[in-house]
Amino acid sequence: MLKNGINIMEIKKKRTVKKVRFSENRIFIETEQGETYSRPLEAFPLLKDATESERNAFKIGKFGDDIRWENLDEDIHIDSFFANEEPKKNPIGDFFSAHPQINVSSFAQQIGINRSLMAKYIYGIKTPSEKRKKEIEQGLHELAKQLSEAEFV
């Protein structure tokens, strides 16, 4: 597979992580080969929501091709830094951006979706199936119904 005239498989084979840093809502890796790659933290919701000290508590894997955050139970393989960053249409993310007052973690728990998976849907990292989209939509309609029926005495 070629990207900008470069064989991605060759890049992946040769690169190992030397250094990791965070800046400007991004994670950066420097390779042993002296190259720097980065991804937005939105690509890794657990890291995005983590504190600075939690983000910095990582270990580079034995073979240099992955990074592990034991306390967050998060692993990132070097291949993740070669993923396409082009934005996709994301109505779920658009909805939650327009309604930041909704607690996404609580909402996800209420409808039975893992918090991390829901964050990946919102950030466009993963695309939910049609069935899952309907579950989210139904959950939002149920929330709206509960809010509209709320009585304050």
N, C-alpha and C. Protein backbone atom coordinates (compact mmCIF):
# COMPACT_ATOMS: atom_id res chain seq x y z
N MET A 1 0.84 -1.17 0.00
CA MET A 1 0.00 0.00 0.00
C MET A 1 0.89 1.24 0.00
N LEU A 2 0.61 2.16 -0.91
CA LEU A 2 1.39 3.38 -1.01
C LEU A 2 0.63 4.56 -0.46
N LYS A 3 1.31 5.41 0.25
CA LYS A 3 0.74 6.66 0.74
C LYS A 3 1.77 7.74 0.48
N ASN A 4 1.41 8.70 -0.33
CA ASN A 4 2.34 9.77 -0.73
C ASN A 4 3.62 9.18 -1.31
N GLY A 5 3.47 8.10 -2.08
CA GLY A 5 4.62 7.49 -2.72
C GLY A 5 5.48 6.64 -1.81
N ILE A 6 5.04 6.44 -0.55
CA ILE A 6 5.83 5.67 0.41
C ILE A 6 5.10 4.36 0.69
N ASN A 7 5.83 3.27 0.69
CA ASN A 7 5.26 1.97 0.99
C ASN A 7 5.04 1.88 2.50
N ILE A 8 3.76 1.92 2.93
CA ILE A 8 3.42 1.91 4.35
C ILE A 8 3.92 0.64 5.04
N MET A 9 3.88 -0.47 4.36
CA MET A 9 4.34 -1.72 4.98
C MET A 9 5.82 -1.65 5.32
N GLU A 10 6.61 -0.98 4.51
CA GLU A 10 8.03 -0.83 4.81
C GLU A 10 8.24 0.07 6.02
N ILE A 11 7.44 1.14 6.12
CA ILE A 11 7.54 2.03 7.29
C ILE A 11 7.22 1.25 8.55
N LYS A 12 6.13 0.50 8.53
CA LYS A 12 5.70 -0.23 9.72
C LYS A 12 6.74 -1.24 10.16
N LYS A 13 7.38 -1.90 9.24
CA LYS A 13 8.36 -2.93 9.59
C LYS A 13 9.58 -2.36 10.30
N LYS A 14 9.99 -1.17 9.92
CA LYS A 14 11.25 -0.63 10.39
C LYS A 14 11.13 0.25 11.63
N ARG A 15 9.97 0.74 11.96
CA ARG A 15 9.84 1.74 13.00
C ARG A 15 9.64 1.15 14.38
N THR A 16 10.32 1.73 15.37
CA THR A 16 10.13 1.38 16.77
C THR A 16 10.05 2.67 17.57
N VAL A 17 9.26 2.65 18.62
CA VAL A 17 9.03 3.83 19.45
C VAL A 17 10.20 4.07 20.38
N LYS A 18 10.70 5.29 20.38
CA LYS A 18 11.79 5.68 21.28
C LYS A 18 11.26 6.60 22.39
N LYS A 19 10.36 7.51 22.02
CA LYS A 19 9.90 8.54 22.96
C LYS A 19 8.43 8.84 22.70
N VAL A 20 7.69 9.16 23.76
CA VAL A 20 6.28 9.53 23.68
C VAL A 20 6.09 10.85 24.41
N ARG A 21 5.31 11.73 23.80
CA ARG A 21 4.98 12.99 24.48
C ARG A 21 3.59 13.45 24.07
N PHE A 22 3.04 14.36 24.86
CA PHE A 22 1.71 14.90 24.61
C PHE A 22 1.79 16.41 24.49
N SER A 23 1.04 16.96 23.54
CA SER A 23 1.00 18.40 23.36
C SER A 23 -0.17 18.77 22.47
N GLU A 24 -0.81 19.88 22.79
CA GLU A 24 -1.86 20.43 21.93
C GLU A 24 -2.92 19.39 21.56
N ASN A 25 -3.41 18.64 22.54
CA ASN A 25 -4.43 17.61 22.32
C ASN A 25 -4.01 16.53 21.33
N ARG A 26 -2.72 16.25 21.30
CA ARG A 26 -2.20 15.20 20.42
C ARG A 26 -1.21 14.36 21.20
N ILE A 27 -1.00 13.14 20.71
CA ILE A 27 0.06 12.29 21.22
C ILE A 27 1.11 12.20 20.11
N PHE A 28 2.36 12.33 20.48
CA PHE A 28 3.47 12.27 19.53
C PHE A 28 4.37 11.10 19.91
N ILE A 29 4.88 10.43 18.88
CA ILE A 29 5.92 9.44 19.13
C ILE A 29 7.13 9.82 18.28
N GLU A 30 8.28 9.58 18.86
CA GLU A 30 9.52 9.71 18.11
C GLU A 30 10.06 8.30 17.96
N THR A 31 10.48 7.96 16.76
CA THR A 31 10.98 6.61 16.52
C THR A 31 12.48 6.55 16.73
N GLU A 32 12.98 5.35 16.88
CA GLU A 32 14.43 5.14 16.97
C GLU A 32 15.11 5.64 15.71
N GLN A 33 14.35 5.71 14.62
CA GLN A 33 14.89 6.15 13.34
C GLN A 33 14.87 7.68 13.21
N GLY A 34 14.41 8.38 14.27
CA GLY A 34 14.45 9.84 14.30
C GLY A 34 13.26 10.53 13.66
N GLU A 35 12.21 9.80 13.36
CA GLU A 35 11.02 10.41 12.77
C GLU A 35 9.96 10.63 13.85
N THR A 36 9.10 11.62 13.62
CA THR A 36 8.03 11.94 14.57
C THR A 36 6.69 11.75 13.88
N TYR A 37 5.77 11.10 14.58
CA TYR A 37 4.41 10.88 14.11
C TYR A 37 3.46 11.30 15.23
N SER A 38 2.24 11.70 14.86
CA SER A 38 1.29 12.07 15.89
C SER A 38 -0.13 11.72 15.47
N ARG A 39 -0.99 11.70 16.47
CA ARG A 39 -2.42 11.46 16.27
C ARG A 39 -3.17 12.34 17.26
N PRO A 40 -4.38 12.74 16.93
CA PRO A 40 -5.18 13.50 17.90
C PRO A 40 -5.59 12.60 19.06
N LEU A 41 -5.69 13.17 20.25
CA LEU A 41 -6.09 12.37 21.41
C LEU A 41 -7.51 11.82 21.25
N GLU A 42 -8.32 12.44 20.40
CA GLU A 42 -9.66 11.92 20.12
C GLU A 42 -9.59 10.48 19.60
N ALA A 43 -8.48 10.13 18.99
CA ALA A 43 -8.31 8.77 18.48
C ALA A 43 -8.17 7.76 19.62
N PHE A 44 -7.87 8.24 20.81
CA PHE A 44 -7.65 7.37 21.97
C PHE A 44 -8.42 7.96 23.15
N PRO A 45 -9.74 7.74 23.21
CA PRO A 45 -10.58 8.39 24.22
C PRO A 45 -10.11 8.23 25.66
N LEU A 46 -9.56 7.07 26.02
CA LEU A 46 -9.10 6.90 27.40
C LEU A 46 -7.95 7.85 27.71
N LEU A 47 -7.08 8.08 26.74
CA LEU A 47 -5.98 9.03 26.94
C LEU A 47 -6.50 10.46 26.94
N LYS A 48 -7.46 10.75 26.11
CA LYS A 48 -8.03 12.10 26.05
C LYS A 48 -8.63 12.48 27.39
N ASP A 49 -9.32 11.52 28.04
CA ASP A 49 -9.96 11.79 29.32
C ASP A 49 -9.03 11.66 30.51
N ALA A 50 -7.82 11.17 30.29
CA ALA A 50 -6.87 10.93 31.39
C ALA A 50 -6.22 12.24 31.87
N THR A 51 -5.71 12.19 33.08
CA THR A 51 -4.95 13.33 33.61
C THR A 51 -3.55 13.30 32.99
N GLU A 52 -2.83 14.39 33.16
CA GLU A 52 -1.46 14.46 32.64
C GLU A 52 -0.58 13.36 33.26
N SER A 53 -0.73 13.15 34.57
CA SER A 53 0.11 12.12 35.21
C SER A 53 -0.28 10.72 34.72
N GLU A 54 -1.58 10.49 34.48
CA GLU A 54 -2.00 9.18 33.95
C GLU A 54 -1.44 8.97 32.54
N ARG A 55 -1.45 10.03 31.73
CA ARG A 55 -0.91 9.91 30.37
C ARG A 55 0.58 9.60 30.38
N ASN A 56 1.28 10.20 31.33
CA ASN A 56 2.73 10.03 31.37
C ASN A 56 3.18 8.73 32.04
N ALA A 57 2.24 7.95 32.56
CA ALA A 57 2.57 6.68 33.21
C ALA A 57 2.46 5.54 32.21
N PHE A 58 3.31 5.55 31.20
CA PHE A 58 3.29 4.54 30.14
C PHE A 58 4.60 3.78 30.10
N LYS A 59 4.58 2.66 29.41
CA LYS A 59 5.79 1.89 29.15
C LYS A 59 5.81 1.52 27.69
N ILE A 60 6.95 1.65 27.07
CA ILE A 60 7.13 1.20 25.69
C ILE A 60 7.37 -0.30 25.73
N GLY A 61 6.70 -1.03 24.86
CA GLY A 61 6.77 -2.49 24.83
C GLY A 61 8.17 -3.02 24.53
N LYS A 62 8.37 -4.26 24.87
CA LYS A 62 9.65 -4.95 24.73
C LYS A 62 10.24 -4.84 23.32
N PHE A 63 9.38 -4.91 22.31
CA PHE A 63 9.86 -4.85 20.93
C PHE A 63 9.79 -3.45 20.33
N GLY A 64 9.36 -2.48 21.15
CA GLY A 64 9.32 -1.08 20.71
C GLY A 64 8.20 -0.75 19.75
N ASP A 65 7.25 -1.68 19.58
CA ASP A 65 6.19 -1.43 18.61
C ASP A 65 4.84 -1.11 19.26
N ASP A 66 4.82 -0.96 20.60
CA ASP A 66 3.58 -0.61 21.27
C ASP A 66 3.87 0.19 22.53
N ILE A 67 2.81 0.83 23.02
CA ILE A 67 2.88 1.64 24.24
C ILE A 67 1.76 1.15 25.15
N ARG A 68 2.04 1.00 26.44
CA ARG A 68 1.07 0.46 27.39
C ARG A 68 0.87 1.41 28.55
N TRP A 69 -0.40 1.66 28.90
CA TRP A 69 -0.80 2.41 30.09
C TRP A 69 -1.52 1.43 30.99
N GLU A 70 -0.80 0.85 31.92
CA GLU A 70 -1.34 -0.19 32.79
C GLU A 70 -2.54 0.31 33.58
N ASN A 71 -2.44 1.50 34.20
CA ASN A 71 -3.52 2.01 35.04
C ASN A 71 -4.77 2.35 34.25
N LEU A 72 -4.62 2.64 32.97
CA LEU A 72 -5.77 2.97 32.12
C LEU A 72 -6.26 1.75 31.33
N ASP A 73 -5.49 0.67 31.37
CA ASP A 73 -5.76 -0.53 30.58
C ASP A 73 -5.88 -0.15 29.09
N GLU A 74 -4.88 0.58 28.62
CA GLU A 74 -4.84 1.07 27.23
C GLU A 74 -3.54 0.64 26.58
N ASP A 75 -3.63 0.17 25.36
CA ASP A 75 -2.47 -0.21 24.56
C ASP A 75 -2.60 0.46 23.20
N ILE A 76 -1.50 0.98 22.69
CA ILE A 76 -1.50 1.55 21.35
C ILE A 76 -0.32 0.95 20.58
N HIS A 77 -0.63 0.41 19.44
CA HIS A 77 0.41 -0.14 18.57
C HIS A 77 0.91 0.96 17.64
N ILE A 78 2.16 0.90 17.25
CA ILE A 78 2.75 1.91 16.38
C ILE A 78 1.95 2.07 15.07
N ASP A 79 1.31 0.99 14.62
CA ASP A 79 0.49 1.07 13.40
C ASP A 79 -0.60 2.12 13.51
N SER A 80 -1.08 2.41 14.73
CA SER A 80 -2.13 3.40 14.92
C SER A 80 -1.71 4.78 14.45
N PHE A 81 -0.42 5.02 14.41
CA PHE A 81 0.07 6.34 14.00
C PHE A 81 0.12 6.50 12.49
N PHE A 82 -0.20 5.44 11.76
CA PHE A 82 -0.22 5.50 10.31
C PHE A 82 -1.65 5.54 9.78
N ALA A 83 -2.64 5.62 10.67
CA ALA A 83 -4.05 5.63 10.25
C ALA A 83 -4.40 6.96 9.58
N ASN A 84 -5.37 6.90 8.73
CA ASN A 84 -5.85 8.08 8.00
C ASN A 84 -6.60 9.00 8.97
N GLU A 85 -6.30 10.30 8.94
CA GLU A 85 -6.95 11.25 9.83
C GLU A 85 -8.03 12.07 9.14
N GLU A 86 -8.41 11.72 7.93
CA GLU A 86 -9.42 12.51 7.26
C GLU A 86 -10.73 12.40 8.01
N PRO A 87 -11.37 13.55 8.28
CA PRO A 87 -12.63 13.52 9.02
C PRO A 87 -13.75 12.85 8.22
N LYS A 88 -14.60 12.12 8.93
CA LYS A 88 -15.75 11.47 8.32
C LYS A 88 -17.01 12.15 8.83
N LYS A 89 -18.10 11.98 8.10
CA LYS A 89 -19.38 12.47 8.57
C LYS A 89 -19.73 11.69 9.84
N ASN A 90 -20.09 12.40 10.90
CA ASN A 90 -20.33 11.74 12.18
C ASN A 90 -21.50 12.39 12.91
N PRO A 91 -22.73 11.97 12.59
CA PRO A 91 -23.89 12.58 13.23
C PRO A 91 -23.94 12.37 14.74
N ILE A 92 -23.41 11.25 15.23
CA ILE A 92 -23.41 11.01 16.69
C ILE A 92 -22.48 12.02 17.37
N GLY A 93 -21.29 12.18 16.82
CA GLY A 93 -20.36 13.16 17.37
C GLY A 93 -20.92 14.57 17.27
N ASP A 94 -21.54 14.88 16.16
CA ASP A 94 -22.13 16.21 15.97
C ASP A 94 -23.22 16.48 17.02
N PHE A 95 -24.04 15.46 17.28
CA PHE A 95 -25.12 15.63 18.27
C PHE A 95 -24.55 15.93 19.65
N PHE A 96 -23.58 15.11 20.10
CA PHE A 96 -23.05 15.31 21.44
C PHE A 96 -22.22 16.59 21.54
N SER A 97 -21.62 17.04 20.45
CA SER A 97 -20.92 18.33 20.45
C SER A 97 -21.91 19.47 20.61
N ALA A 98 -23.07 19.32 19.98
CA ALA A 98 -24.10 20.36 20.07
C ALA A 98 -24.81 20.37 21.42
N HIS A 99 -24.68 19.26 22.18
CA HIS A 99 -25.35 19.13 23.48
C HIS A 99 -24.36 18.68 24.55
N PRO A 100 -23.39 19.54 24.88
CA PRO A 100 -22.36 19.14 25.84
C PRO A 100 -22.89 18.93 27.26
N GLN A 101 -24.11 19.36 27.52
CA GLN A 101 -24.69 19.18 28.85
C GLN A 101 -25.05 17.72 29.13
N ILE A 102 -25.08 16.89 28.10
CA ILE A 102 -25.37 15.46 28.30
C ILE A 102 -24.10 14.75 28.75
N ASN A 103 -24.19 14.09 29.87
CA ASN A 103 -23.07 13.31 30.39
C ASN A 103 -22.97 12.02 29.59
N VAL A 104 -21.98 11.96 28.71
CA VAL A 104 -21.84 10.84 27.79
C VAL A 104 -21.61 9.53 28.53
N SER A 105 -20.80 9.55 29.58
CA SER A 105 -20.54 8.32 30.34
C SER A 105 -21.82 7.77 30.95
N SER A 106 -22.61 8.63 31.56
CA SER A 106 -23.87 8.19 32.17
C SER A 106 -24.85 7.71 31.11
N PHE A 107 -24.91 8.44 30.01
CA PHE A 107 -25.81 8.04 28.92
C PHE A 107 -25.42 6.67 28.38
N ALA A 108 -24.12 6.48 28.14
CA ALA A 108 -23.65 5.18 27.62
C ALA A 108 -24.01 4.06 28.59
N GLN A 109 -23.81 4.29 29.88
CA GLN A 109 -24.15 3.27 30.88
C GLN A 109 -25.64 2.98 30.87
N GLN A 110 -26.45 4.02 30.75
CA GLN A 110 -27.90 3.87 30.76
C GLN A 110 -28.39 3.00 29.60
N ILE A 111 -27.75 3.12 28.44
CA ILE A 111 -28.21 2.32 27.29
C ILE A 111 -27.38 1.06 27.08
N GLY A 112 -26.44 0.79 27.99
CA GLY A 112 -25.70 -0.47 27.97
C GLY A 112 -24.55 -0.53 26.97
N ILE A 113 -23.93 0.62 26.72
CA ILE A 113 -22.76 0.67 25.84
C ILE A 113 -21.54 1.03 26.67
N ASN A 114 -20.44 0.34 26.44
CA ASN A 114 -19.18 0.65 27.11
C ASN A 114 -18.80 2.11 26.87
N ARG A 115 -18.38 2.80 27.92
CA ARG A 115 -18.04 4.23 27.85
C ARG A 115 -16.96 4.50 26.80
N SER A 116 -15.95 3.66 26.77
CA SER A 116 -14.86 3.84 25.81
C SER A 116 -15.35 3.66 24.38
N LEU A 117 -16.21 2.67 24.17
CA LEU A 117 -16.75 2.44 22.83
C LEU A 117 -17.62 3.61 22.40
N MET A 118 -18.44 4.13 23.31
CA MET A 118 -19.28 5.28 23.00
C MET A 118 -18.42 6.48 22.62
N ALA A 119 -17.32 6.68 23.33
CA ALA A 119 -16.41 7.79 23.02
C ALA A 119 -15.82 7.60 21.62
N LYS A 120 -15.51 6.38 21.25
CA LYS A 120 -14.97 6.12 19.91
C LYS A 120 -16.01 6.42 18.83
N TYR A 121 -17.28 6.14 19.12
CA TYR A 121 -18.33 6.53 18.18
C TYR A 121 -18.40 8.05 18.06
N ILE A 122 -18.35 8.73 19.19
CA ILE A 122 -18.46 10.19 19.19
C ILE A 122 -17.29 10.83 18.48
N TYR A 123 -16.08 10.33 18.69
CA TYR A 123 -14.90 10.92 18.07
C TYR A 123 -14.67 10.41 16.65
N GLY A 124 -15.54 9.50 16.18
CA GLY A 124 -15.43 9.02 14.81
C GLY A 124 -14.35 7.97 14.59
N ILE A 125 -13.84 7.41 15.68
CA ILE A 125 -12.82 6.38 15.58
C ILE A 125 -13.44 5.08 15.08
N LYS A 126 -14.63 4.80 15.58
CA LYS A 126 -15.38 3.62 15.15
C LYS A 126 -16.74 4.08 14.64
N THR A 127 -17.28 3.30 13.74
CA THR A 127 -18.61 3.59 13.19
C THR A 127 -19.58 2.53 13.71
N PRO A 128 -20.64 2.97 14.38
CA PRO A 128 -21.59 1.99 14.90
C PRO A 128 -22.40 1.34 13.78
N SER A 129 -22.84 0.12 14.02
CA SER A 129 -23.72 -0.56 13.07
C SER A 129 -25.06 0.17 13.05
N GLU A 130 -25.87 -0.15 12.06
CA GLU A 130 -27.20 0.46 11.98
C GLU A 130 -28.02 0.13 13.23
N LYS A 131 -27.89 -1.11 13.72
CA LYS A 131 -28.61 -1.51 14.93
C LYS A 131 -28.15 -0.66 16.12
N ARG A 132 -26.84 -0.47 16.24
CA ARG A 132 -26.31 0.32 17.37
C ARG A 132 -26.75 1.79 17.25
N LYS A 133 -26.77 2.32 16.03
CA LYS A 133 -27.24 3.70 15.83
C LYS A 133 -28.67 3.84 16.33
N LYS A 134 -29.51 2.84 16.02
CA LYS A 134 -30.91 2.88 16.47
C LYS A 134 -30.98 2.82 18.00
N GLU A 135 -30.13 2.02 18.63
CA GLU A 135 -30.12 1.95 20.09
C GLU A 135 -29.76 3.30 20.70
N ILE A 136 -28.78 3.96 20.12
CA ILE A 136 -28.38 5.28 20.62
C ILE A 136 -29.51 6.28 20.41
N GLU A 137 -30.10 6.25 19.23
CA GLU A 137 -31.21 7.16 18.94
C GLU A 137 -32.38 6.92 19.90
N GLN A 138 -32.72 5.64 20.12
CA GLN A 138 -33.81 5.32 21.04
C GLN A 138 -33.49 5.79 22.46
N GLY A 139 -32.23 5.62 22.86
CA GLY A 139 -31.81 6.08 24.18
C GLY A 139 -31.94 7.58 24.32
N LEU A 140 -31.61 8.31 23.27
CA LEU A 140 -31.76 9.77 23.30
C LEU A 140 -33.23 10.18 23.35
N HIS A 141 -34.07 9.46 22.62
CA HIS A 141 -35.51 9.75 22.66
C HIS A 141 -36.08 9.47 24.05
N GLU A 142 -35.62 8.39 24.67
CA GLU A 142 -36.08 8.06 26.02
C GLU A 142 -35.62 9.13 27.01
N LEU A 143 -34.39 9.60 26.87
CA LEU A 143 -33.89 10.67 27.73
C LEU A 143 -34.72 11.93 27.55
N ALA A 144 -35.03 12.28 26.30
CA ALA A 144 -35.85 13.46 26.02
C ALA A 144 -37.24 13.32 26.64
N LYS A 145 -37.80 12.12 26.56
CA LYS A 145 -39.12 11.86 27.15
C LYS A 145 -39.08 12.05 28.66
N GLN A 146 -38.04 11.49 29.29
CA GLN A 146 -37.89 11.64 30.74
C GLN A 146 -37.77 13.11 31.13
N LEU A 147 -37.02 13.87 30.36
CA LEU A 147 -36.84 15.29 30.65
C LEU A 147 -38.14 16.05 30.47
N SER A 148 -38.90 15.71 29.42
CA SER A 148 -40.14 16.44 29.16
C SER A 148 -41.22 16.12 30.19
N GLU A 149 -41.13 14.95 30.81
CA GLU A 149 -42.13 14.55 31.79
C GLU A 149 -41.73 14.92 33.22
N ALA A 150 -40.55 15.48 33.39
CA ALA A 150 -40.08 15.84 34.73
C ALA A 150 -40.97 16.93 35.32
N GLU A 151 -41.31 16.74 36.57
CA GLU A 151 -42.15 17.73 37.27
C GLU A 151 -41.38 18.27 38.46
N PHE A 152 -41.50 19.56 38.62
CA PHE A 152 -40.83 20.21 39.73
C PHE A 152 -41.92 20.83 40.61
N VAL A 153 -42.07 20.28 41.79
CA VAL A 153 -43.11 20.73 42.70
C VAL A 153 -42.60 21.81 43.60
